[in-house]
Amino acid sequence: MIVFKDKSLKIRWINLGIVYQLEGNVSKEEALKIVESLH
């Protein structure tokens, strides 16, 4: 789940029972890089 709200970003990525969560002021471009790095 990816939520953009008020320039803040919350990414929750569940893989093999592991939850990665990142919160903060991140641009969409940076967020896409983060998501791609999790694949």
N, C-alpha and C. Protein backbone atom coordinates (compact mmCIF):
# COMPACT_ATOMS: atom_id res chain seq x y z
N MET A 1 0.84 -1.18 0.00
CA MET A 1 0.00 0.00 0.00
C MET A 1 0.88 1.24 0.00
N ILE A 2 0.59 2.14 -0.92
CA ILE A 2 1.35 3.38 -0.99
C ILE A 2 0.38 4.54 -0.84
N VAL A 3 0.65 5.43 0.10
CA VAL A 3 -0.24 6.55 0.34
C VAL A 3 0.56 7.85 0.28
N PHE A 4 0.13 8.77 -0.59
CA PHE A 4 0.73 10.09 -0.63
C PHE A 4 -0.26 11.07 -0.01
N LYS A 5 0.14 11.75 1.05
CA LYS A 5 -0.75 12.69 1.72
C LYS A 5 0.07 13.84 2.28
N ASP A 6 -0.26 15.05 1.85
CA ASP A 6 0.43 16.24 2.36
C ASP A 6 1.94 16.10 2.25
N LYS A 7 2.39 15.61 1.09
CA LYS A 7 3.82 15.44 0.80
C LYS A 7 4.50 14.45 1.75
N SER A 8 3.73 13.74 2.53
CA SER A 8 4.33 12.71 3.38
C SER A 8 4.08 11.37 2.74
N LEU A 9 4.92 10.43 3.04
CA LEU A 9 4.84 9.13 2.38
C LEU A 9 4.84 8.01 3.40
N LYS A 10 3.95 7.07 3.19
CA LYS A 10 3.97 5.87 4.03
C LYS A 10 3.95 4.67 3.09
N ILE A 11 4.97 3.86 3.15
CA ILE A 11 5.02 2.65 2.33
C ILE A 11 4.99 1.45 3.26
N ARG A 12 4.06 0.56 3.01
CA ARG A 12 4.04 -0.70 3.75
C ARG A 12 4.21 -1.82 2.75
N TRP A 13 5.24 -2.60 2.92
CA TRP A 13 5.55 -3.66 1.97
C TRP A 13 5.68 -4.95 2.77
N ILE A 14 4.84 -5.92 2.45
CA ILE A 14 4.88 -7.19 3.18
C ILE A 14 5.46 -8.26 2.26
N ASN A 15 6.54 -8.90 2.69
CA ASN A 15 7.18 -9.93 1.87
C ASN A 15 7.67 -11.03 2.80
N LEU A 16 7.15 -12.24 2.62
CA LEU A 16 7.55 -13.39 3.43
C LEU A 16 7.39 -13.10 4.93
N GLY A 17 6.31 -12.40 5.27
CA GLY A 17 6.04 -12.13 6.68
C GLY A 17 6.82 -10.96 7.25
N ILE A 18 7.61 -10.29 6.41
CA ILE A 18 8.40 -9.16 6.88
C ILE A 18 7.72 -7.87 6.45
N VAL A 19 7.59 -6.94 7.38
CA VAL A 19 6.94 -5.67 7.06
C VAL A 19 8.00 -4.56 7.03
N TYR A 20 8.06 -3.88 5.89
CA TYR A 20 8.95 -2.73 5.76
C TYR A 20 8.07 -1.49 5.79
N GLN A 21 8.41 -0.53 6.61
CA GLN A 21 7.60 0.68 6.69
C GLN A 21 8.51 1.90 6.68
N LEU A 22 8.15 2.84 5.81
CA LEU A 22 8.92 4.08 5.70
C LEU A 22 7.96 5.25 5.76
N GLU A 23 8.27 6.19 6.63
CA GLU A 23 7.43 7.37 6.74
C GLU A 23 8.31 8.60 6.70
N GLY A 24 7.83 9.64 6.05
CA GLY A 24 8.58 10.88 6.01
C GLY A 24 8.25 11.70 4.79
N ASN A 25 8.97 12.78 4.64
CA ASN A 25 8.76 13.66 3.50
C ASN A 25 9.63 13.18 2.35
N VAL A 26 9.03 12.40 1.48
CA VAL A 26 9.75 11.81 0.36
C VAL A 26 9.02 12.15 -0.92
N SER A 27 9.78 12.52 -1.95
CA SER A 27 9.15 12.85 -3.23
C SER A 27 8.67 11.58 -3.92
N LYS A 28 7.77 11.75 -4.88
CA LYS A 28 7.27 10.58 -5.61
C LYS A 28 8.40 9.86 -6.31
N GLU A 29 9.36 10.61 -6.85
CA GLU A 29 10.47 9.99 -7.56
C GLU A 29 11.28 9.12 -6.60
N GLU A 30 11.56 9.64 -5.42
CA GLU A 30 12.32 8.86 -4.44
C GLU A 30 11.51 7.66 -3.99
N ALA A 31 10.21 7.85 -3.83
CA ALA A 31 9.35 6.75 -3.40
C ALA A 31 9.37 5.62 -4.42
N LEU A 32 9.33 5.98 -5.71
CA LEU A 32 9.35 4.96 -6.75
C LEU A 32 10.66 4.19 -6.72
N LYS A 33 11.77 4.89 -6.46
CA LYS A 33 13.06 4.21 -6.35
C LYS A 33 13.05 3.24 -5.18
N ILE A 34 12.45 3.65 -4.08
CA ILE A 34 12.38 2.78 -2.90
C ILE A 34 11.56 1.55 -3.20
N VAL A 35 10.41 1.75 -3.84
CA VAL A 35 9.54 0.62 -4.17
C VAL A 35 10.26 -0.34 -5.10
N GLU A 36 10.95 0.22 -6.12
CA GLU A 36 11.67 -0.63 -7.06
C GLU A 36 12.78 -1.41 -6.36
N SER A 37 13.42 -0.80 -5.37
CA SER A 37 14.52 -1.47 -4.67
C SER A 37 14.01 -2.62 -3.82
N LEU A 38 12.71 -2.60 -3.48
CA LEU A 38 12.16 -3.67 -2.65
C LEU A 38 11.78 -4.89 -3.48
N HIS A 39 11.73 -4.73 -4.80
CA HIS A 39 11.32 -5.85 -5.66
C HIS A 39 12.44 -6.86 -5.79
